[in-house]
């Protein structure tokens, strides 16, 4: 059984909102967690082959002069593919990051076997009283220490990893679970908010 505290937490910075419109990754940051302990990190700028807009420069703090001499996407993504191995994956607003991971790895014909979980979808179910479910707001909501600027890939991955582990601990405590299987997270992400407790109780014989 794969526990949810053994994952790679990742974050992309990109030229825009979707690879379907030709957008590319410009930075990847990731944190590898094994049994609740951070064991490795990955960070890489990458040259998308075209200039980025002033909006993206201001939003991310990544500028064209920083990307000019960065390695191409293919090189960085090959290294990242080796980094993630067969780990399951976590991102905040994972549908965004999964689209870019799929597109960039497909461009180098590199598959991956891990499955995705979304910390934002889980937060909407576990922290229903939070003012909103943006990463920065959730970090503040749970009193997690943060020193740095959001919208750089490794920092966002680090903060998501911290939040993920706090949320898993809260789930264990709230529902009296010895551990949280990754498969349970995947089920809960698709479960209506009001049915979370019932679903956990129904599945308890499988993982209790």
C-alpha atoms as a PDB file:
ATOM      1  CA  UNK A   1       0.000   0.000   0.000  1.00  0.00           C
ATOM      2  CA  UNK A   2       1.399   3.367  -1.026  1.00  0.00           C
ATOM      3  CA  UNK A   3       1.068   5.987   1.692  1.00  0.00           C
ATOM      4  CA  UNK A   4       0.315   9.600   0.808  1.00  0.00           C
ATOM      5  CA  UNK A   5       3.415  10.749   2.741  1.00  0.00           C
ATOM      6  CA  UNK A   6       5.759   9.218   0.155  1.00  0.00           C
ATOM      7  CA  UNK A   7       5.414  11.472  -2.889  1.00  0.00           C
ATOM      8  CA  UNK A   8       7.121  14.012  -5.122  1.00  0.00           C
ATOM      9  CA  UNK A   9       5.569  17.469  -4.725  1.00  0.00           C
ATOM     10  CA  UNK A  10       6.119  19.584  -7.841  1.00  0.00           C
ATOM     11  CA  UNK A  11       5.436  23.015  -9.255  1.00  0.00           C
ATOM     12  CA  UNK A  12       5.895  24.518 -12.717  1.00  0.00           C
ATOM     13  CA  UNK A  13       6.382  28.096 -13.790  1.00  0.00           C
ATOM     14  CA  UNK A  14       5.379  28.525 -17.426  1.00  0.00           C
ATOM     15  CA  UNK A  15       5.069  30.933 -20.339  1.00  0.00           C
ATOM     16  CA  UNK A  16       1.269  30.857 -20.054  1.00  0.00           C
ATOM     17  CA  UNK A  17      -1.781  28.880 -19.023  1.00  0.00           C
ATOM     18  CA  UNK A  18      -1.822  25.855 -21.303  1.00  0.00           C
ATOM     19  CA  UNK A  19       0.480  23.751 -23.495  1.00  0.00           C
ATOM     20  CA  UNK A  20      -2.517  23.396 -25.815  1.00  0.00           C
ATOM     21  CA  UNK A  21      -1.788  26.989 -26.892  1.00  0.00           C
ATOM     22  CA  UNK A  22       1.932  26.432 -27.307  1.00  0.00           C
ATOM     23  CA  UNK A  23       2.958  27.441 -23.785  1.00  0.00           C
ATOM     24  CA  UNK A  24       6.074  25.833 -22.338  1.00  0.00           C
ATOM     25  CA  UNK A  25       7.639  25.285 -18.942  1.00  0.00           C
ATOM     26  CA  UNK A  26      10.305  27.756 -17.821  1.00  0.00           C
ATOM     27  CA  UNK A  27      11.023  26.354 -14.350  1.00  0.00           C
ATOM     28  CA  UNK A  28      10.401  23.151 -12.433  1.00  0.00           C
ATOM     29  CA  UNK A  29      10.778  22.775  -8.687  1.00  0.00           C
ATOM     30  CA  UNK A  30      10.121  19.618  -6.696  1.00  0.00           C
ATOM     31  CA  UNK A  31      10.482  18.110  -3.242  1.00  0.00           C
ATOM     32  CA  UNK A  32      10.784  14.356  -2.708  1.00  0.00           C
ATOM     33  CA  UNK A  33       9.156  13.102   0.505  1.00  0.00           C
ATOM     34  CA  UNK A  34       9.734   9.596   1.840  1.00  0.00           C
ATOM     35  CA  UNK A  35       7.596   8.518   4.808  1.00  0.00           C
ATOM     36  CA  UNK A  36       6.955  12.120   5.749  1.00  0.00           C
ATOM     37  CA  UNK A  37      10.607  13.247   5.528  1.00  0.00           C
ATOM     38  CA  UNK A  38      12.034  15.487   2.788  1.00  0.00           C
ATOM     39  CA  UNK A  39      14.878  13.486   1.256  1.00  0.00           C
ATOM     40  CA  UNK A  40      15.692  15.379  -1.958  1.00  0.00           C
ATOM     41  CA  UNK A  41      14.952  18.491  -4.001  1.00  0.00           C
ATOM     42  CA  UNK A  42      15.034  19.421  -7.688  1.00  0.00           C
ATOM     43  CA  UNK A  43      15.101  22.843  -9.301  1.00  0.00           C
ATOM     44  CA  UNK A  44      15.807  23.883 -12.852  1.00  0.00           C
ATOM     45  CA  UNK A  45      15.252  26.866 -15.111  1.00  0.00           C
ATOM     46  CA  UNK A  46      14.732  25.958 -18.756  1.00  0.00           C
ATOM     47  CA  UNK A  47      14.792  27.856 -22.010  1.00  0.00           C
ATOM     48  CA  UNK A  48      11.379  27.546 -23.711  1.00  0.00           C
ATOM     49  CA  UNK A  49      12.771  28.586 -27.081  1.00  0.00           C
ATOM     50  CA  UNK A  50      10.969  31.916 -27.167  1.00  0.00           C
ATOM     51  CA  UNK A  51      10.868  35.111 -25.078  1.00  0.00           C
ATOM     52  CA  UNK A  52       8.459  35.329 -22.154  1.00  0.00           C
ATOM     53  CA  UNK A  53       6.112  38.271 -21.696  1.00  0.00           C
ATOM     54  CA  UNK A  54       6.548  41.116 -19.273  1.00  0.00           C
ATOM     55  CA  UNK A  55       3.521  39.843 -17.374  1.00  0.00           C
ATOM     56  CA  UNK A  56       5.172  36.453 -16.788  1.00  0.00           C
ATOM     57  CA  UNK A  57       8.443  38.160 -15.834  1.00  0.00           C
ATOM     58  CA  UNK A  58       6.661  40.261 -13.213  1.00  0.00           C
ATOM     59  CA  UNK A  59       4.477  37.380 -11.993  1.00  0.00           C
ATOM     60  CA  UNK A  60       7.298  34.859 -11.517  1.00  0.00           C
ATOM     61  CA  UNK A  61      10.390  36.974 -11.002  1.00  0.00           C
ATOM     62  CA  UNK A  62      11.965  34.969 -13.834  1.00  0.00           C
ATOM     63  CA  UNK A  63      13.350  37.210 -16.579  1.00  0.00           C
ATOM     64  CA  UNK A  64      14.365  36.605 -20.161  1.00  0.00           C
ATOM     65  CA  UNK A  65      18.030  37.186 -19.376  1.00  0.00           C
ATOM     66  CA  UNK A  66      17.850  34.348 -16.817  1.00  0.00           C
ATOM     67  CA  UNK A  67      16.454  31.950 -19.409  1.00  0.00           C
ATOM     68  CA  UNK A  68      18.751  32.948 -22.253  1.00  0.00           C
ATOM     69  CA  UNK A  69      21.552  30.640 -21.159  1.00  0.00           C
ATOM     70  CA  UNK A  70      19.381  28.058 -19.361  1.00  0.00           C
ATOM     71  CA  UNK A  71      19.355  24.522 -20.767  1.00  0.00           C
ATOM     72  CA  UNK A  72      16.478  23.591 -23.092  1.00  0.00           C
ATOM     73  CA  UNK A  73      13.270  22.066 -21.741  1.00  0.00           C
ATOM     74  CA  UNK A  74      14.182  18.608 -23.070  1.00  0.00           C
ATOM     75  CA  UNK A  75      17.396  18.453 -21.065  1.00  0.00           C
ATOM     76  CA  UNK A  76      15.864  19.569 -17.773  1.00  0.00           C
ATOM     77  CA  UNK A  77      12.800  17.372 -18.171  1.00  0.00           C
ATOM     78  CA  UNK A  78      14.946  14.306 -18.845  1.00  0.00           C
ATOM     79  CA  UNK A  79      16.707  14.951 -15.536  1.00  0.00           C
ATOM     80  CA  UNK A  80      13.374  15.516 -13.815  1.00  0.00           C
ATOM     81  CA  UNK A  81      11.978  12.276 -15.213  1.00  0.00           C
ATOM     82  CA  UNK A  82      14.839  10.433 -13.539  1.00  0.00           C
ATOM     83  CA  UNK A  83      14.218  12.367 -10.304  1.00  0.00           C
ATOM     84  CA  UNK A  84      10.558  11.381  -9.978  1.00  0.00           C
ATOM     85  CA  UNK A  85      11.096   7.717 -10.823  1.00  0.00           C
ATOM     86  CA  UNK A  86       7.952   5.794  -9.884  1.00  0.00           C
ATOM     87  CA  UNK A  87       6.826   8.146  -7.086  1.00  0.00           C
ATOM     88  CA  UNK A  88       3.258   9.375  -6.914  1.00  0.00           C
ATOM     89  CA  UNK A  89       2.928  13.110  -7.501  1.00  0.00           C
ATOM     90  CA  UNK A  90       1.295  16.045  -5.711  1.00  0.00           C
ATOM     91  CA  UNK A  91       0.726  19.628  -6.849  1.00  0.00           C
ATOM     92  CA  UNK A  92      -1.474  22.534  -5.792  1.00  0.00           C
ATOM     93  CA  UNK A  93      -4.021  22.913  -8.587  1.00  0.00           C
ATOM     94  CA  UNK A  94      -2.607  19.704 -10.021  1.00  0.00           C
ATOM     95  CA  UNK A  95      -4.580  19.841 -13.273  1.00  0.00           C
ATOM     96  CA  UNK A  96      -2.366  22.759 -14.355  1.00  0.00           C
ATOM     97  CA  UNK A  97       0.936  21.102 -13.463  1.00  0.00           C
ATOM     98  CA  UNK A  98      -0.121  17.723 -14.846  1.00  0.00           C
ATOM     99  CA  UNK A  99      -0.883  19.274 -18.241  1.00  0.00           C
ATOM    100  CA  UNK A 100       2.619  20.704 -18.448  1.00  0.00           C
ATOM    101  CA  UNK A 101       4.304  17.581 -17.101  1.00  0.00           C
ATOM    102  CA  UNK A 102       2.426  15.455 -19.633  1.00  0.00           C
ATOM    103  CA  UNK A 103       3.270  17.801 -22.501  1.00  0.00           C
ATOM    104  CA  UNK A 104       6.952  18.245 -21.666  1.00  0.00           C
ATOM    105  CA  UNK A 105       7.551  14.538 -21.060  1.00  0.00           C
ATOM    106  CA  UNK A 106       5.604  13.598 -24.195  1.00  0.00           C
ATOM    107  CA  UNK A 107       7.893  15.921 -26.164  1.00  0.00           C
ATOM    108  CA  UNK A 108      10.851  13.725 -25.169  1.00  0.00           C
ATOM    109  CA  UNK A 109       8.866  10.456 -25.377  1.00  0.00           C
ATOM    110  CA  UNK A 110       9.344   9.870 -21.672  1.00  0.00           C
ATOM    111  CA  UNK A 111       6.479   8.202 -19.748  1.00  0.00           C
ATOM    112  CA  UNK A 112       5.943   8.235 -15.988  1.00  0.00           C
ATOM    113  CA  UNK A 113       4.096   5.783 -13.796  1.00  0.00           C
ATOM    114  CA  UNK A 114       3.149   7.855 -10.748  1.00  0.00           C
ATOM    115  CA  UNK A 115      -0.391   9.081 -10.183  1.00  0.00           C
ATOM    116  CA  UNK A 116      -1.428  12.626  -9.271  1.00  0.00           C
ATOM    117  CA  UNK A 117      -3.122  14.096  -6.228  1.00  0.00           C
ATOM    118  CA  UNK A 118      -4.192  17.716  -5.843  1.00  0.00           C
ATOM    119  CA  UNK A 119      -3.567  19.471  -2.534  1.00  0.00           C
ATOM    120  CA  UNK A 120      -6.064  22.190  -3.482  1.00  0.00           C
ATOM    121  CA  UNK A 121      -8.926  19.747  -4.097  1.00  0.00           C
ATOM    122  CA  UNK A 122      -8.126  18.000  -0.818  1.00  0.00           C
ATOM    123  CA  UNK A 123      -7.977  21.307   1.056  1.00  0.00           C
ATOM    124  CA  UNK A 124     -11.453  22.211  -0.195  1.00  0.00           C
ATOM    125  CA  UNK A 125     -12.757  19.068   1.488  1.00  0.00           C
ATOM    126  CA  UNK A 126     -10.691  19.051   4.678  1.00  0.00           C
ATOM    127  CA  UNK A 127     -10.560  22.811   5.374  1.00  0.00           C
ATOM    128  CA  UNK A 128     -14.049  23.896   4.437  1.00  0.00           C
ATOM    129  CA  UNK A 129     -13.843  26.945   6.739  1.00  0.00           C
ATOM    130  CA  UNK A 130     -10.707  28.367   5.087  1.00  0.00           C
ATOM    131  CA  UNK A 131     -11.290  31.822   3.534  1.00  0.00           C
ATOM    132  CA  UNK A 132     -10.108  30.452   0.190  1.00  0.00           C
ATOM    133  CA  UNK A 133      -7.913  27.627  -1.029  1.00  0.00           C
ATOM    134  CA  UNK A 134      -4.998  29.436  -2.635  1.00  0.00           C
ATOM    135  CA  UNK A 135      -1.687  28.046  -1.414  1.00  0.00           C
ATOM    136  CA  UNK A 136      -0.574  31.254   0.309  1.00  0.00           C
ATOM    137  CA  UNK A 137      -3.926  31.542   2.106  1.00  0.00           C
ATOM    138  CA  UNK A 138      -3.822  27.930   3.300  1.00  0.00           C
ATOM    139  CA  UNK A 139      -0.270  28.344   4.577  1.00  0.00           C
ATOM    140  CA  UNK A 140      -1.487  31.287   6.659  1.00  0.00           C
ATOM    141  CA  UNK A 141      -4.700  29.478   7.677  1.00  0.00           C
ATOM    142  CA  UNK A 142      -2.740  26.558   9.137  1.00  0.00           C
ATOM    143  CA  UNK A 143      -0.035  28.729  10.693  1.00  0.00           C
ATOM    144  CA  UNK A 144       2.783  27.233   8.616  1.00  0.00           C
ATOM    145  CA  UNK A 145       5.985  29.273   8.672  1.00  0.00           C
ATOM    146  CA  UNK A 146       6.921  30.791   5.330  1.00  0.00           C
ATOM    147  CA  UNK A 147       9.817  33.021   4.352  1.00  0.00           C
ATOM    148  CA  UNK A 148      10.101  33.785   0.674  1.00  0.00           C
ATOM    149  CA  UNK A 149       8.160  34.707  -2.424  1.00  0.00           C
ATOM    150  CA  UNK A 150       5.452  32.594  -3.982  1.00  0.00           C
ATOM    151  CA  UNK A 151       5.477  31.954  -7.755  1.00  0.00           C
ATOM    152  CA  UNK A 152       8.979  30.519  -7.911  1.00  0.00           C
ATOM    153  CA  UNK A 153       8.795  26.805  -8.530  1.00  0.00           C
ATOM    154  CA  UNK A 154      10.959  25.369  -5.768  1.00  0.00           C
ATOM    155  CA  UNK A 155       9.553  27.687  -3.100  1.00  0.00           C
ATOM    156  CA  UNK A 156       5.981  26.836  -4.090  1.00  0.00           C
ATOM    157  CA  UNK A 157       6.853  23.125  -4.073  1.00  0.00           C
ATOM    158  CA  UNK A 158       8.449  23.480  -0.629  1.00  0.00           C
ATOM    159  CA  UNK A 159       5.377  25.253   0.755  1.00  0.00           C
ATOM    160  CA  UNK A 160       3.026  22.749  -0.859  1.00  0.00           C
ATOM    161  CA  UNK A 161       5.041  19.908   0.678  1.00  0.00           C
ATOM    162  CA  UNK A 162       4.830  21.481   4.143  1.00  0.00           C
ATOM    163  CA  UNK A 163       1.110  22.033   3.743  1.00  0.00           C
ATOM    164  CA  UNK A 164       0.579  18.499   2.407  1.00  0.00           C
ATOM    165  CA  UNK A 165       2.215  16.908   5.456  1.00  0.00           C
ATOM    166  CA  UNK A 166       0.222  19.112   7.850  1.00  0.00           C
ATOM    167  CA  UNK A 167      -2.994  18.216   6.045  1.00  0.00           C
ATOM    168  CA  UNK A 168      -2.209  14.480   6.195  1.00  0.00           C
ATOM    169  CA  UNK A 169      -1.573  14.781   9.941  1.00  0.00           C
ATOM    170  CA  UNK A 170      -4.885  16.618  10.351  1.00  0.00           C
ATOM    171  CA  UNK A 171      -6.714  13.882   8.418  1.00  0.00           C
ATOM    172  CA  UNK A 172      -5.116  11.182  10.570  1.00  0.00           C
ATOM    173  CA  UNK A 173      -6.094  13.004  13.748  1.00  0.00           C
ATOM    174  CA  UNK A 174      -9.603  14.011  12.683  1.00  0.00           C
ATOM    175  CA  UNK A 175     -10.567  10.568  11.433  1.00  0.00           C
ATOM    176  CA  UNK A 176      -8.409   8.413  13.764  1.00  0.00           C
ATOM    177  CA  UNK A 177      -6.374   6.864  10.968  1.00  0.00           C
ATOM    178  CA  UNK A 178      -2.940   5.269  11.491  1.00  0.00           C
ATOM    179  CA  UNK A 179      -1.885   6.457   8.021  1.00  0.00           C
ATOM    180  CA  UNK A 180      -3.425   7.923   4.889  1.00  0.00           C
ATOM    181  CA  UNK A 181      -3.107   5.752   1.776  1.00  0.00           C
ATOM    182  CA  UNK A 182      -2.593   7.557  -1.516  1.00  0.00           C
ATOM    183  CA  UNK A 183      -5.571   5.633  -2.893  1.00  0.00           C
ATOM    184  CA  UNK A 184      -7.780   7.176  -0.199  1.00  0.00           C
ATOM    185  CA  UNK A 185      -6.655  10.669  -1.216  1.00  0.00           C
ATOM    186  CA  UNK A 186      -7.600   9.909  -4.807  1.00  0.00           C
ATOM    187  CA  UNK A 187     -11.044   8.774  -3.684  1.00  0.00           C
ATOM    188  CA  UNK A 188     -11.599  11.792  -1.441  1.00  0.00           C
ATOM    189  CA  UNK A 189     -10.657  14.249  -4.195  1.00  0.00           C
ATOM    190  CA  UNK A 190     -13.754  13.067  -6.084  1.00  0.00           C
ATOM    191  CA  UNK A 191     -16.014  12.918  -3.030  1.00  0.00           C
ATOM    192  CA  UNK A 192     -18.542  15.684  -2.237  1.00  0.00           C
ATOM    193  CA  UNK A 193     -17.574  17.661   0.866  1.00  0.00           C
ATOM    194  CA  UNK A 194     -20.496  16.494   2.949  1.00  0.00           C
ATOM    195  CA  UNK A 195     -19.716  12.803   2.318  1.00  0.00           C
ATOM    196  CA  UNK A 196     -16.031  12.787   3.323  1.00  0.00           C
ATOM    197  CA  UNK A 197     -16.520  11.235   6.779  1.00  0.00           C
ATOM    198  CA  UNK A 198     -18.903   8.593   5.458  1.00  0.00           C
ATOM    199  CA  UNK A 199     -16.512   7.525   2.694  1.00  0.00           C
ATOM    200  CA  UNK A 200     -13.627   7.233   5.146  1.00  0.00           C
ATOM    201  CA  UNK A 201     -15.741   5.130   7.504  1.00  0.00           C
ATOM    202  CA  UNK A 202     -16.862   2.884   4.649  1.00  0.00           C
ATOM    203  CA  UNK A 203     -13.276   2.301   3.516  1.00  0.00           C
ATOM    204  CA  UNK A 204     -11.834   1.962   7.017  1.00  0.00           C
ATOM    205  CA  UNK A 205     -11.744  -1.889   6.954  1.00  0.00           C
ATOM    206  CA  UNK A 206      -9.406  -1.659   3.943  1.00  0.00           C
ATOM    207  CA  UNK A 207      -6.756   0.475   5.613  1.00  0.00           C
ATOM    208  CA  UNK A 208      -7.481   0.686   9.325  1.00  0.00           C
END
